[in-house]
PDB file of N, CA and C in Angstrom:
ATOM      1  N   UNK A   1     -12.641  22.978 -11.493  1.00  0.00           N
ATOM      2  CA  UNK A   1     -12.298  22.720 -12.363  1.00  0.00           C
ATOM      3  C   UNK A   1     -10.996  21.814 -11.239  1.00  0.00           C
ATOM      4  N   UNK A   2     -10.541  20.210 -11.660  1.00  0.00           N
ATOM      5  CA  UNK A   2     -10.715  19.550 -10.447  1.00  0.00           C
ATOM      6  C   UNK A   2      -9.308  19.459 -11.886  1.00  0.00           C
ATOM      7  N   UNK A   3      -7.938  19.109 -11.087  1.00  0.00           N
ATOM      8  CA  UNK A   3      -6.737  19.185 -11.231  1.00  0.00           C
ATOM      9  C   UNK A   3      -6.116  18.013 -11.067  1.00  0.00           C
ATOM     10  N   UNK A   4      -5.862  17.108 -12.188  1.00  0.00           N
ATOM     11  CA  UNK A   4      -5.659  15.408 -11.216  1.00  0.00           C
ATOM     12  C   UNK A   4      -3.946  15.982 -10.916  1.00  0.00           C
ATOM     13  N   UNK A   5      -3.219  15.054 -10.759  1.00  0.00           N
ATOM     14  CA  UNK A   5      -1.975  14.787 -10.132  1.00  0.00           C
ATOM     15  C   UNK A   5      -1.470  13.893 -10.658  1.00  0.00           C
ATOM     16  N   UNK A   6      -0.145  13.614 -11.113  1.00  0.00           N
ATOM     17  CA  UNK A   6       0.119  12.174 -11.844  1.00  0.00           C
ATOM     18  C   UNK A   6       1.796  12.144 -11.525  1.00  0.00           C
ATOM     19  N   UNK A   7       1.985  10.862 -11.167  1.00  0.00           N
ATOM     20  CA  UNK A   7       3.264  11.645 -10.791  1.00  0.00           C
ATOM     21  C   UNK A   7       3.912   9.905 -11.589  1.00  0.00           C
ATOM     22  N   UNK A   8       3.951  10.020 -12.357  1.00  0.00           N
ATOM     23  CA  UNK A   8       4.819   8.349 -12.326  1.00  0.00           C
ATOM     24  C   UNK A   8       4.377   7.273 -12.541  1.00  0.00           C
ATOM     25  N   UNK A   9       4.586   5.890 -13.024  1.00  0.00           N
ATOM     26  CA  UNK A   9       3.642   4.849 -13.155  1.00  0.00           C
ATOM     27  C   UNK A   9       4.406   3.876 -12.085  1.00  0.00           C
ATOM     28  N   UNK A  10       3.605   3.167 -11.250  1.00  0.00           N
ATOM     29  CA  UNK A  10       3.520   1.703 -10.935  1.00  0.00           C
ATOM     30  C   UNK A  10       3.801   0.821 -10.464  1.00  0.00           C
ATOM     31  N   UNK A  11       3.956  -0.192 -11.029  1.00  0.00           N
ATOM     32  CA  UNK A  11       4.541  -1.487 -11.465  1.00  0.00           C
ATOM     33  C   UNK A  11       5.413  -2.525 -10.323  1.00  0.00           C
ATOM     34  N   UNK A  12       4.415  -3.635 -10.675  1.00  0.00           N
ATOM     35  CA  UNK A  12       5.951  -4.404  -9.479  1.00  0.00           C
ATOM     36  C   UNK A  12       6.983  -4.303  -9.363  1.00  0.00           C
ATOM     37  N   UNK A  13       7.892  -4.430 -10.337  1.00  0.00           N
ATOM     38  CA  UNK A  13       8.789  -4.563 -10.412  1.00  0.00           C
ATOM     39  C   UNK A  13       9.588  -3.223 -10.281  1.00  0.00           C
ATOM     40  N   UNK A  14       9.270  -2.943  -9.686  1.00  0.00           N
ATOM     41  CA  UNK A  14       9.693  -1.030  -9.637  1.00  0.00           C
ATOM     42  C   UNK A  14      10.707  -1.323  -8.390  1.00  0.00           C
ATOM     43  N   UNK A  15      12.340  -0.699  -8.111  1.00  0.00           N
ATOM     44  CA  UNK A  15      13.305  -1.343  -7.446  1.00  0.00           C
ATOM     45  C   UNK A  15      13.124  -0.599  -6.454  1.00  0.00           C
ATOM     46  N   UNK A  16      13.357  -0.516  -5.863  1.00  0.00           N
ATOM     47  CA  UNK A  16      13.544   0.516  -3.885  1.00  0.00           C
ATOM     48  C   UNK A  16      13.034   2.927  -4.327  1.00  0.00           C
ATOM     49  N   UNK A  17      14.957   2.595  -4.913  1.00  0.00           N
ATOM     50  CA  UNK A  17      15.040   4.039  -5.576  1.00  0.00           C
ATOM     51  C   UNK A  17      14.109   4.278  -6.871  1.00  0.00           C
ATOM     52  N   UNK A  18      13.391   3.932  -7.206  1.00  0.00           N
ATOM     53  CA  UNK A  18      12.720   4.105  -8.091  1.00  0.00           C
ATOM     54  C   UNK A  18      11.468   4.096  -7.535  1.00  0.00           C
ATOM     55  N   UNK A  19      11.416   3.461  -6.217  1.00  0.00           N
ATOM     56  CA  UNK A  19       9.606   4.169  -5.688  1.00  0.00           C
ATOM     57  C   UNK A  19       9.847   4.992  -4.651  1.00  0.00           C
ATOM     58  N   UNK A  20      11.066   5.532  -4.740  1.00  0.00           N
ATOM     59  CA  UNK A  20      11.350   6.593  -3.670  1.00  0.00           C
ATOM     60  C   UNK A  20      11.415   7.784  -4.544  1.00  0.00           C
ATOM     61  N   UNK A  21      11.978   7.809  -5.775  1.00  0.00           N
ATOM     62  CA  UNK A  21      11.669   8.841  -6.593  1.00  0.00           C
ATOM     63  C   UNK A  21      10.435   9.180  -6.376  1.00  0.00           C
ATOM     64  N   UNK A  22       9.096   8.236  -6.627  1.00  0.00           N
ATOM     65  CA  UNK A  22       7.837   8.342  -7.156  1.00  0.00           C
ATOM     66  C   UNK A  22       7.361   8.969  -6.467  1.00  0.00           C
ATOM     67  N   UNK A  23       7.347   8.426  -4.624  1.00  0.00           N
ATOM     68  CA  UNK A  23       6.927   9.045  -3.661  1.00  0.00           C
ATOM     69  C   UNK A  23       7.339  10.549  -3.347  1.00  0.00           C
ATOM     70  N   UNK A  24       8.714  10.571  -3.292  1.00  0.00           N
ATOM     71  CA  UNK A  24       8.747  11.894  -4.186  1.00  0.00           C
ATOM     72  C   UNK A  24       8.436  12.666  -5.174  1.00  0.00           C
ATOM     73  N   UNK A  25       8.332  12.789  -5.724  1.00  0.00           N
ATOM     74  CA  UNK A  25       7.376  13.531  -7.319  1.00  0.00           C
ATOM     75  C   UNK A  25       6.052  13.442  -6.579  1.00  0.00           C
ATOM     76  N   UNK A  26       5.377  12.470  -5.692  1.00  0.00           N
ATOM     77  CA  UNK A  26       4.193  12.780  -5.096  1.00  0.00           C
ATOM     78  C   UNK A  26       3.745  14.224  -4.502  1.00  0.00           C
ATOM     79  N   UNK A  27       4.955  13.064  -3.408  1.00  0.00           N
ATOM     80  CA  UNK A  27       4.821  14.719  -2.020  1.00  0.00           C
ATOM     81  C   UNK A  27       4.989  16.079  -2.834  1.00  0.00           C
ATOM     82  N   UNK A  28       5.958  16.241  -4.108  1.00  0.00           N
ATOM     83  CA  UNK A  28       6.116  18.160  -4.261  1.00  0.00           C
ATOM     84  C   UNK A  28       5.048  17.832  -5.136  1.00  0.00           C
ATOM     85  N   UNK A  29       4.486  17.467  -5.467  1.00  0.00           N
ATOM     86  CA  UNK A  29       2.918  17.638  -6.306  1.00  0.00           C
ATOM     87  C   UNK A  29       1.940  18.232  -5.263  1.00  0.00           C
ATOM     88  N   UNK A  30       1.984  17.215  -4.196  1.00  0.00           N
ATOM     89  CA  UNK A  30       1.135  17.579  -3.423  1.00  0.00           C
ATOM     90  C   UNK A  30       1.807  19.152  -2.320  1.00  0.00           C
ATOM     91  N   UNK A  31       3.030  19.296  -2.514  1.00  0.00           N
ATOM     92  CA  UNK A  31       3.252  19.769  -1.590  1.00  0.00           C
ATOM     93  C   UNK A  31       2.505  21.872  -2.432  1.00  0.00           C
ATOM     94  N   UNK A  32       1.939  21.969  -3.714  1.00  0.00           N
ATOM     95  CA  UNK A  32       1.856  22.674  -4.413  1.00  0.00           C
ATOM     96  C   UNK A  32      -0.131  22.508  -5.014  1.00  0.00           C
ATOM     97  N   UNK A  33      -0.801  21.839  -4.006  1.00  0.00           N
ATOM     98  CA  UNK A  33      -1.621  21.570  -4.091  1.00  0.00           C
ATOM     99  C   UNK A  33      -2.364  21.090  -2.874  1.00  0.00           C
ATOM    100  N   UNK A  34      -3.418  21.425  -2.876  1.00  0.00           N
ATOM    101  CA  UNK A  34      -4.965  21.161  -1.876  1.00  0.00           C
ATOM    102  C   UNK A  34      -6.072  20.503  -2.533  1.00  0.00           C
ATOM    103  N   UNK A  35      -5.464  18.986  -2.012  1.00  0.00           N
ATOM    104  CA  UNK A  35      -6.712  18.549  -2.719  1.00  0.00           C
ATOM    105  C   UNK A  35      -8.054  18.182  -2.201  1.00  0.00           C
ATOM    106  N   UNK A  36      -9.177  17.821  -2.562  1.00  0.00           N
ATOM    107  CA  UNK A  36     -10.236  17.862  -1.716  1.00  0.00           C
ATOM    108  C   UNK A  36     -10.765  16.455  -1.432  1.00  0.00           C
ATOM    109  N   UNK A  37      -9.596  15.485  -1.289  1.00  0.00           N
ATOM    110  CA  UNK A  37      -9.825  13.958  -1.292  1.00  0.00           C
ATOM    111  C   UNK A  37      -8.319  13.530  -0.783  1.00  0.00           C
ATOM    112  N   UNK A  38      -8.659  12.606   0.085  1.00  0.00           N
ATOM    113  CA  UNK A  38      -7.757  11.799   0.373  1.00  0.00           C
ATOM    114  C   UNK A  38      -6.331  11.450  -0.452  1.00  0.00           C
ATOM    115  N   UNK A  39      -5.556  11.518  -0.435  1.00  0.00           N
ATOM    116  CA  UNK A  39      -4.220  10.815  -1.335  1.00  0.00           C
ATOM    117  C   UNK A  39      -3.418   9.606  -0.724  1.00  0.00           C
ATOM    118  N   UNK A  40      -3.657   8.540  -1.167  1.00  0.00           N
ATOM    119  CA  UNK A  40      -2.512   7.669  -0.668  1.00  0.00           C
ATOM    120  C   UNK A  40      -1.717   6.725  -2.264  1.00  0.00           C
ATOM    121  N   UNK A  41      -0.558   6.257  -1.000  1.00  0.00           N
ATOM    122  CA  UNK A  41       0.587   5.640  -2.183  1.00  0.00           C
ATOM    123  C   UNK A  41       0.676   4.258  -1.431  1.00  0.00           C
ATOM    124  N   UNK A  42       0.374   3.246  -2.312  1.00  0.00           N
ATOM    125  CA  UNK A  42       0.407   1.650  -1.949  1.00  0.00           C
ATOM    126  C   UNK A  42       1.107   1.088  -2.786  1.00  0.00           C
ATOM    127  N   UNK A  43       2.081   1.151  -2.321  1.00  0.00           N
ATOM    128  CA  UNK A  43       3.692   0.506  -2.806  1.00  0.00           C
ATOM    129  C   UNK A  43       4.164  -0.873  -2.635  1.00  0.00           C
ATOM    130  N   UNK A  44       4.951  -1.817  -2.920  1.00  0.00           N
ATOM    131  CA  UNK A  44       5.097  -3.164  -1.999  1.00  0.00           C
ATOM    132  C   UNK A  44       6.096  -2.830  -1.206  1.00  0.00           C
ATOM    133  N   UNK A  45       5.667  -4.639  -0.750  1.00  0.00           N
ATOM    134  CA  UNK A  45       6.072  -4.093   0.864  1.00  0.00           C
ATOM    135  C   UNK A  45       7.404  -3.765   1.264  1.00  0.00           C
ATOM    136  N   UNK A  46       8.323  -4.222   0.144  1.00  0.00           N
ATOM    137  CA  UNK A  46       9.761  -3.537   0.144  1.00  0.00           C
ATOM    138  C   UNK A  46      10.334  -2.502   0.333  1.00  0.00           C
ATOM    139  N   UNK A  47       8.869  -1.882  -0.109  1.00  0.00           N
ATOM    140  CA  UNK A  47       9.369  -0.652  -0.361  1.00  0.00           C
ATOM    141  C   UNK A  47       8.982   0.670   0.659  1.00  0.00           C
ATOM    142  N   UNK A  48       7.734   0.473   1.843  1.00  0.00           N
ATOM    143  CA  UNK A  48       6.945   0.803   2.434  1.00  0.00           C
ATOM    144  C   UNK A  48       8.116   1.347   3.988  1.00  0.00           C
ATOM    145  N   UNK A  49       8.897   0.554   4.386  1.00  0.00           N
ATOM    146  CA  UNK A  49       9.520   1.532   5.670  1.00  0.00           C
ATOM    147  C   UNK A  49      10.514   2.535   5.305  1.00  0.00           C
ATOM    148  N   UNK A  50      10.834   3.048   3.817  1.00  0.00           N
ATOM    149  CA  UNK A  50      11.318   4.039   2.817  1.00  0.00           C
ATOM    150  C   UNK A  50      10.915   4.791   2.911  1.00  0.00           C
ATOM    151  N   UNK A  51       9.818   4.654   1.896  1.00  0.00           N
ATOM    152  CA  UNK A  51       8.711   5.180   1.616  1.00  0.00           C
ATOM    153  C   UNK A  51       7.822   6.388   2.696  1.00  0.00           C
ATOM    154  N   UNK A  52       7.380   5.197   4.121  1.00  0.00           N
ATOM    155  CA  UNK A  52       7.095   5.901   5.326  1.00  0.00           C
ATOM    156  C   UNK A  52       8.321   7.088   5.644  1.00  0.00           C
ATOM    157  N   UNK A  53       9.126   7.011   5.214  1.00  0.00           N
ATOM    158  CA  UNK A  53      10.673   7.880   5.598  1.00  0.00           C
ATOM    159  C   UNK A  53      10.645   9.099   4.452  1.00  0.00           C
ATOM    160  N   UNK A  54      10.297   9.392   3.026  1.00  0.00           N
ATOM    161  CA  UNK A  54      10.276  10.138   2.833  1.00  0.00           C
ATOM    162  C   UNK A  54       9.375  11.420   2.517  1.00  0.00           C
ATOM    163  N   UNK A  55       7.917  10.433   3.038  1.00  0.00           N
ATOM    164  CA  UNK A  55       6.498  11.314   2.764  1.00  0.00           C
ATOM    165  C   UNK A  55       6.586  12.535   4.050  1.00  0.00           C
ATOM    166  N   UNK A  56       5.325  13.150   3.136  1.00  0.00           N
ATOM    167  CA  UNK A  56       4.319  14.156   4.228  1.00  0.00           C
ATOM    168  C   UNK A  56       3.773  12.881   4.634  1.00  0.00           C
ATOM    169  N   UNK A  57       3.699  13.159   5.897  1.00  0.00           N
ATOM    170  CA  UNK A  57       2.041  12.210   6.510  1.00  0.00           C
ATOM    171  C   UNK A  57       1.126  13.039   6.810  1.00  0.00           C
ATOM    172  N   UNK A  58       0.885  13.673   6.884  1.00  0.00           N
ATOM    173  CA  UNK A  58       0.318  15.457   6.598  1.00  0.00           C
ATOM    174  C   UNK A  58      -0.890  15.483   5.059  1.00  0.00           C
ATOM    175  N   UNK A  59      -0.158  14.632   4.129  1.00  0.00           N
ATOM    176  CA  UNK A  59      -0.847  14.981   2.567  1.00  0.00           C
ATOM    177  C   UNK A  59      -1.279  14.020   2.419  1.00  0.00           C
ATOM    178  N   UNK A  60      -0.067  12.883   2.840  1.00  0.00           N
ATOM    179  CA  UNK A  60       0.128  11.056   2.051  1.00  0.00           C
ATOM    180  C   UNK A  60      -0.074  10.299   2.431  1.00  0.00           C
ATOM    181  N   UNK A  61      -1.228   9.127   2.487  1.00  0.00           N
ATOM    182  CA  UNK A  61      -1.632   7.922   3.657  1.00  0.00           C
ATOM    183  C   UNK A  61      -0.278   7.631   3.027  1.00  0.00           C
ATOM    184  N   UNK A  62      -0.021   6.196   3.327  1.00  0.00           N
ATOM    185  CA  UNK A  62       0.842   4.606   2.716  1.00  0.00           C
ATOM    186  C   UNK A  62       0.271   3.198   2.749  1.00  0.00           C
ATOM    187  N   UNK A  63      -0.130   2.860   2.390  1.00  0.00           N
ATOM    188  CA  UNK A  63      -0.592   1.622   2.317  1.00  0.00           C
ATOM    189  C   UNK A  63       0.072   1.115   1.266  1.00  0.00           C
ATOM    190  N   UNK A  64       0.120  -0.809   1.486  1.00  0.00           N
ATOM    191  CA  UNK A  64       0.633  -1.894   0.779  1.00  0.00           C
ATOM    192  C   UNK A  64      -0.062  -2.906   0.080  1.00  0.00           C
ATOM    193  N   UNK A  65       0.726  -3.421  -1.041  1.00  0.00           N
ATOM    194  CA  UNK A  65      -0.232  -3.490  -1.993  1.00  0.00           C
ATOM    195  C   UNK A  65      -1.144  -4.968  -2.004  1.00  0.00           C
ATOM    196  N   UNK A  66      -0.712  -5.168  -1.138  1.00  0.00           N
ATOM    197  CA  UNK A  66      -1.457  -6.484  -0.514  1.00  0.00           C
ATOM    198  C   UNK A  66      -1.119  -7.462   1.341  1.00  0.00           C
ATOM    199  N   UNK A  67      -2.750  -8.432   1.340  1.00  0.00           N
ATOM    200  CA  UNK A  67      -1.661  -8.245   3.015  1.00  0.00           C
ATOM    201  C   UNK A  67      -2.121 -10.208   2.457  1.00  0.00           C
ATOM    202  N   UNK A  68      -1.363 -11.289   4.054  1.00  0.00           N
ATOM    203  CA  UNK A  68      -1.969 -12.684   3.607  1.00  0.00           C
ATOM    204  C   UNK A  68      -2.877 -12.766   4.209  1.00  0.00           C
ATOM    205  N   UNK A  69      -3.027 -13.933   4.373  1.00  0.00           N
ATOM    206  CA  UNK A  69      -4.705 -14.444   5.253  1.00  0.00           C
ATOM    207  C   UNK A  69      -4.071 -15.004   6.432  1.00  0.00           C
ATOM    208  N   UNK A  70      -3.348 -15.117   7.348  1.00  0.00           N
ATOM    209  CA  UNK A  70      -2.623 -15.374   8.341  1.00  0.00           C
ATOM    210  C   UNK A  70      -1.680 -14.229   8.997  1.00  0.00           C
ATOM    211  N   UNK A  71      -2.225 -14.785  10.454  1.00  0.00           N
ATOM    212  CA  UNK A  71      -1.781 -13.312  10.920  1.00  0.00           C
ATOM    213  C   UNK A  71       0.225 -13.377  11.578  1.00  0.00           C
ATOM    214  N   UNK A  72       0.598 -14.868  10.940  1.00  0.00           N
ATOM    215  CA  UNK A  72       1.470 -15.276  11.094  1.00  0.00           C
ATOM    216  C   UNK A  72       1.615 -17.144  11.187  1.00  0.00           C
ATOM    217  N   UNK A  73       3.154 -17.457  11.180  1.00  0.00           N
ATOM    218  CA  UNK A  73       3.440 -18.448  10.774  1.00  0.00           C
ATOM    219  C   UNK A  73       4.566 -18.845   9.896  1.00  0.00           C
ATOM    220  N   UNK A  74       4.425 -20.238   9.040  1.00  0.00           N
ATOM    221  CA  UNK A  74       5.282 -20.763   8.479  1.00  0.00           C
ATOM    222  C   UNK A  74       4.868 -20.640   7.147  1.00  0.00           C
ATOM    223  N   UNK A  75       4.852 -19.449   6.656  1.00  0.00           N
ATOM    224  CA  UNK A  75       4.445 -18.979   5.699  1.00  0.00           C
ATOM    225  C   UNK A  75       5.114 -18.046   4.612  1.00  0.00           C
ATOM    226  N   UNK A  76       6.219 -19.105   3.973  1.00  0.00           N
ATOM    227  CA  UNK A  76       7.513 -18.007   3.307  1.00  0.00           C
ATOM    228  C   UNK A  76       7.040 -16.619   2.085  1.00  0.00           C
ATOM    229  N   UNK A  77       7.704 -16.141   1.969  1.00  0.00           N
ATOM    230  CA  UNK A  77       6.824 -14.702   1.434  1.00  0.00           C
ATOM    231  C   UNK A  77       6.015 -13.957   1.617  1.00  0.00           C
ATOM    232  N   UNK A  78       4.864 -14.598   2.260  1.00  0.00           N
ATOM    233  CA  UNK A  78       3.734 -13.843   2.021  1.00  0.00           C
ATOM    234  C   UNK A  78       4.187 -12.355   3.804  1.00  0.00           C
ATOM    235  N   UNK A  79       3.246 -11.289   3.459  1.00  0.00           N
ATOM    236  CA  UNK A  79       3.199 -10.864   4.873  1.00  0.00           C
ATOM    237  C   UNK A  79       2.370 -10.073   5.117  1.00  0.00           C
ATOM    238  N   UNK A  80       1.868 -10.906   6.445  1.00  0.00           N
ATOM    239  CA  UNK A  80       1.245  -9.882   7.536  1.00  0.00           C
ATOM    240  C   UNK A  80       0.405  -8.586   7.607  1.00  0.00           C
ATOM    241  N   UNK A  81      -0.779  -8.703   7.856  1.00  0.00           N
ATOM    242  CA  UNK A  81      -1.397  -7.430   8.055  1.00  0.00           C
ATOM    243  C   UNK A  81      -0.493  -6.892   9.238  1.00  0.00           C
ATOM    244  N   UNK A  82      -0.071  -7.495  10.967  1.00  0.00           N
ATOM    245  CA  UNK A  82       0.403  -6.891  11.294  1.00  0.00           C
ATOM    246  C   UNK A  82       1.973  -6.628  11.331  1.00  0.00           C
ATOM    247  N   UNK A  83       2.108  -7.194  10.309  1.00  0.00           N
ATOM    248  CA  UNK A  83       3.891  -6.514   9.634  1.00  0.00           C
ATOM    249  C   UNK A  83       3.739  -5.530   8.851  1.00  0.00           C
ATOM    250  N   UNK A  84       2.903  -6.193   8.155  1.00  0.00           N
ATOM    251  CA  UNK A  84       2.503  -3.553   7.171  1.00  0.00           C
ATOM    252  C   UNK A  84       2.031  -2.453   8.390  1.00  0.00           C
ATOM    253  N   UNK A  85       0.764  -2.961   9.377  1.00  0.00           N
ATOM    254  CA  UNK A  85       0.868  -2.981  10.113  1.00  0.00           C
ATOM    255  C   UNK A  85       2.261  -1.275  10.884  1.00  0.00           C
ATOM    256  N   UNK A  86       2.718  -2.409  11.267  1.00  0.00           N
ATOM    257  CA  UNK A  86       5.042  -2.158  11.994  1.00  0.00           C
ATOM    258  C   UNK A  86       5.019  -1.347  11.066  1.00  0.00           C
ATOM    259  N   UNK A  87       4.762  -1.263   9.950  1.00  0.00           N
ATOM    260  CA  UNK A  87       6.109  -0.325   9.108  1.00  0.00           C
ATOM    261  C   UNK A  87       5.301   1.616   9.134  1.00  0.00           C
ATOM    262  N   UNK A  88       4.437   1.572   9.317  1.00  0.00           N
ATOM    263  CA  UNK A  88       3.785   2.202   9.512  1.00  0.00           C
ATOM    264  C   UNK A  88       2.999   2.935   8.587  1.00  0.00           C
ATOM    265  N   UNK A  89       2.118   2.235   7.764  1.00  0.00           N
ATOM    266  CA  UNK A  89       1.012   2.132   6.591  1.00  0.00           C
ATOM    267  C   UNK A  89      -0.128   1.518   7.093  1.00  0.00           C
ATOM    268  N   UNK A  90      -1.543   2.567   6.601  1.00  0.00           N
ATOM    269  CA  UNK A  90      -2.473   2.401   7.006  1.00  0.00           C
ATOM    270  C   UNK A  90      -3.425   2.438   6.380  1.00  0.00           C
ATOM    271  N   UNK A  91      -3.471   1.071   5.140  1.00  0.00           N
ATOM    272  CA  UNK A  91      -3.542   1.018   4.747  1.00  0.00           C
ATOM    273  C   UNK A  91      -3.176  -0.365   3.801  1.00  0.00           C
ATOM    274  N   UNK A  92      -4.571  -0.794   3.146  1.00  0.00           N
ATOM    275  CA  UNK A  92      -3.764  -2.132   2.677  1.00  0.00           C
ATOM    276  C   UNK A  92      -5.005  -2.252   0.806  1.00  0.00           C
ATOM    277  N   UNK A  93      -4.853  -2.836   0.465  1.00  0.00           N
ATOM    278  CA  UNK A  93      -5.513  -2.749  -0.900  1.00  0.00           C
ATOM    279  C   UNK A  93      -5.643  -4.623  -1.101  1.00  0.00           C
ATOM    280  N   UNK A  94      -6.711  -5.154  -1.316  1.00  0.00           N
ATOM    281  CA  UNK A  94      -7.098  -5.827  -1.030  1.00  0.00           C
ATOM    282  C   UNK A  94      -8.046  -6.194  -1.582  1.00  0.00           C
ATOM    283  N   UNK A  95      -8.507  -7.881  -2.894  1.00  0.00           N
ATOM    284  CA  UNK A  95      -9.412  -8.002  -3.319  1.00  0.00           C
ATOM    285  C   UNK A  95      -9.123  -7.823  -4.818  1.00  0.00           C
ATOM    286  N   UNK A  96      -7.915  -7.972  -4.980  1.00  0.00           N
ATOM    287  CA  UNK A  96      -7.011  -7.863  -6.227  1.00  0.00           C
ATOM    288  C   UNK A  96      -8.045  -9.237  -7.346  1.00  0.00           C
ATOM    289  N   UNK A  97      -7.713  -8.512  -9.019  1.00  0.00           N
ATOM    290  CA  UNK A  97      -8.506  -9.857  -9.522  1.00  0.00           C
ATOM    291  C   UNK A  97      -7.433 -10.395 -10.113  1.00  0.00           C
ATOM    292  N   UNK A  98      -6.168 -10.097 -10.335  1.00  0.00           N
ATOM    293  CA  UNK A  98      -4.939 -11.423 -10.518  1.00  0.00           C
ATOM    294  C   UNK A  98      -5.109 -12.147  -9.642  1.00  0.00           C
ATOM    295  N   UNK A  99      -4.834 -11.303  -8.217  1.00  0.00           N
ATOM    296  CA  UNK A  99      -4.700 -12.592  -7.094  1.00  0.00           C
ATOM    297  C   UNK A  99      -5.978 -14.090  -7.374  1.00  0.00           C
ATOM    298  N   UNK A 100      -6.706 -12.923  -7.539  1.00  0.00           N
ATOM    299  CA  UNK A 100      -8.074 -14.861  -7.758  1.00  0.00           C
ATOM    300  C   UNK A 100      -7.527 -15.085  -9.079  1.00  0.00           C
ATOM    301  N   UNK A 101      -7.369 -14.784 -10.219  1.00  0.00           N
ATOM    302  CA  UNK A 101      -7.564 -15.053 -10.767  1.00  0.00           C
ATOM    303  C   UNK A 101      -5.934 -16.286 -11.700  1.00  0.00           C
ATOM    304  N   UNK A 102      -4.599 -15.340 -10.358  1.00  0.00           N
ATOM    305  CA  UNK A 102      -2.881 -16.361 -10.626  1.00  0.00           C
ATOM    306  C   UNK A 102      -2.955 -17.048  -9.173  1.00  0.00           C
ATOM    307  N   UNK A 103      -3.852 -16.787  -8.183  1.00  0.00           N
ATOM    308  CA  UNK A 103      -3.845 -17.532  -6.981  1.00  0.00           C
ATOM    309  C   UNK A 103      -4.783 -18.019  -6.243  1.00  0.00           C
ATOM    310  N   UNK A 104      -5.530 -18.314  -6.938  1.00  0.00           N
ATOM    311  CA  UNK A 104      -6.569 -19.158  -6.153  1.00  0.00           C
ATOM    312  C   UNK A 104      -7.135 -18.471  -6.079  1.00  0.00           C
ATOM    313  N   UNK A 105      -7.027 -17.378  -5.255  1.00  0.00           N
ATOM    314  CA  UNK A 105      -7.354 -16.836  -4.430  1.00  0.00           C
ATOM    315  C   UNK A 105      -9.152 -16.685  -4.812  1.00  0.00           C
ATOM    316  N   UNK A 106      -9.996 -17.648  -2.858  1.00  0.00           N
ATOM    317  CA  UNK A 106     -10.950 -17.147  -3.087  1.00  0.00           C
ATOM    318  C   UNK A 106     -11.852 -15.703  -2.145  1.00  0.00           C
ATOM    319  N   UNK A 107     -13.277 -16.177  -1.911  1.00  0.00           N
ATOM    320  CA  UNK A 107     -14.417 -14.874  -0.800  1.00  0.00           C
ATOM    321  C   UNK A 107     -13.288 -15.223   0.305  1.00  0.00           C
ATOM    322  N   UNK A 108     -13.208 -16.092   0.448  1.00  0.00           N
ATOM    323  CA  UNK A 108     -13.019 -16.926   1.808  1.00  0.00           C
ATOM    324  C   UNK A 108     -11.515 -16.081   2.368  1.00  0.00           C
ATOM    325  N   UNK A 109     -10.740 -16.798   1.763  1.00  0.00           N
ATOM    326  CA  UNK A 109      -9.411 -15.950   1.436  1.00  0.00           C
ATOM    327  C   UNK A 109      -9.973 -14.414   1.565  1.00  0.00           C
ATOM    328  N   UNK A 110     -10.474 -13.971   0.938  1.00  0.00           N
ATOM    329  CA  UNK A 110     -10.221 -12.400   0.813  1.00  0.00           C
ATOM    330  C   UNK A 110     -10.485 -12.221   2.168  1.00  0.00           C
ATOM    331  N   UNK A 111     -12.412 -12.977   2.639  1.00  0.00           N
ATOM    332  CA  UNK A 111     -12.958 -11.930   3.697  1.00  0.00           C
ATOM    333  C   UNK A 111     -11.477 -12.661   4.800  1.00  0.00           C
ATOM    334  N   UNK A 112     -11.049 -13.137   5.101  1.00  0.00           N
ATOM    335  CA  UNK A 112      -9.969 -13.523   5.989  1.00  0.00           C
ATOM    336  C   UNK A 112      -9.000 -12.542   6.095  1.00  0.00           C
ATOM    337  N   UNK A 113      -7.915 -11.972   4.765  1.00  0.00           N
ATOM    338  CA  UNK A 113      -7.519 -10.757   5.089  1.00  0.00           C
ATOM    339  C   UNK A 113      -8.258  -9.836   5.388  1.00  0.00           C
ATOM    340  N   UNK A 114      -9.002  -9.541   5.216  1.00  0.00           N
ATOM    341  CA  UNK A 114     -10.271  -7.891   5.470  1.00  0.00           C
ATOM    342  C   UNK A 114     -10.311  -8.313   6.982  1.00  0.00           C
ATOM    343  N   UNK A 115     -10.501  -9.611   7.486  1.00  0.00           N
ATOM    344  CA  UNK A 115     -11.078  -8.845   9.116  1.00  0.00           C
ATOM    345  C   UNK A 115      -9.553  -8.729   9.315  1.00  0.00           C
ATOM    346  N   UNK A 116      -8.181  -9.615   9.254  1.00  0.00           N
ATOM    347  CA  UNK A 116      -6.982  -9.240   9.886  1.00  0.00           C
ATOM    348  C   UNK A 116      -6.865  -8.055   9.490  1.00  0.00           C
ATOM    349  N   UNK A 117      -6.464  -7.014   8.254  1.00  0.00           N
ATOM    350  CA  UNK A 117      -6.324  -5.719   7.947  1.00  0.00           C
ATOM    351  C   UNK A 117      -7.133  -5.407   9.015  1.00  0.00           C
ATOM    352  N   UNK A 118      -8.088  -5.286   9.355  1.00  0.00           N
ATOM    353  CA  UNK A 118      -8.882  -4.626  10.051  1.00  0.00           C
ATOM    354  C   UNK A 118      -8.944  -4.716  11.673  1.00  0.00           C
ATOM    355  N   UNK A 119      -8.257  -6.234  12.080  1.00  0.00           N
ATOM    356  CA  UNK A 119      -7.527  -5.912  13.267  1.00  0.00           C
ATOM    357  C   UNK A 119      -6.749  -5.273  13.296  1.00  0.00           C
ATOM    358  N   UNK A 120      -5.858  -5.556  12.571  1.00  0.00           N
ATOM    359  CA  UNK A 120      -4.834  -4.563  12.846  1.00  0.00           C
ATOM    360  C   UNK A 120      -4.629  -2.684  12.394  1.00  0.00           C
ATOM    361  N   UNK A 121      -6.271  -2.522  12.658  1.00  0.00           N
ATOM    362  CA  UNK A 121      -6.370  -0.933  12.809  1.00  0.00           C
ATOM    363  C   UNK A 121      -5.481  -0.186  10.950  1.00  0.00           C
ATOM    364  N   UNK A 122      -5.885  -1.651   9.846  1.00  0.00           N
ATOM    365  CA  UNK A 122      -5.739  -0.926   8.160  1.00  0.00           C
ATOM    366  C   UNK A 122      -6.542  -0.677   7.744  1.00  0.00           C
ATOM    367  N   UNK A 123      -6.907   0.510   6.646  1.00  0.00           N
ATOM    368  CA  UNK A 123      -7.970   0.732   6.027  1.00  0.00           C
ATOM    369  C   UNK A 123      -7.946  -0.042   4.647  1.00  0.00           C
TER     370      UNK A 123
END
């Protein structure tokens, strides 16, 4: 029988203290379990470095919710794949349907994001 681990809800407007609390809850749930899969928590960029400091990296992977399609440059507010990787994250979620709908991202944009993620050792 498989046991699901659920610890809170993540949302775009989660504050840093709420995000750290959620990461700590996931850590606690994993301390009592031996999952038969990889467990990854993907958080807003503003939470990455702080969450990286509280998770058990032997049981919980860390990822970002998104990254830019540019390596660097004057793209105010964007977060590059090298920036994500520099926080200790190993993963990034790409290809969100809402990014296509609300921000007009295309297959070409996604292809560049994937290339940059892979170039920076992000899964």
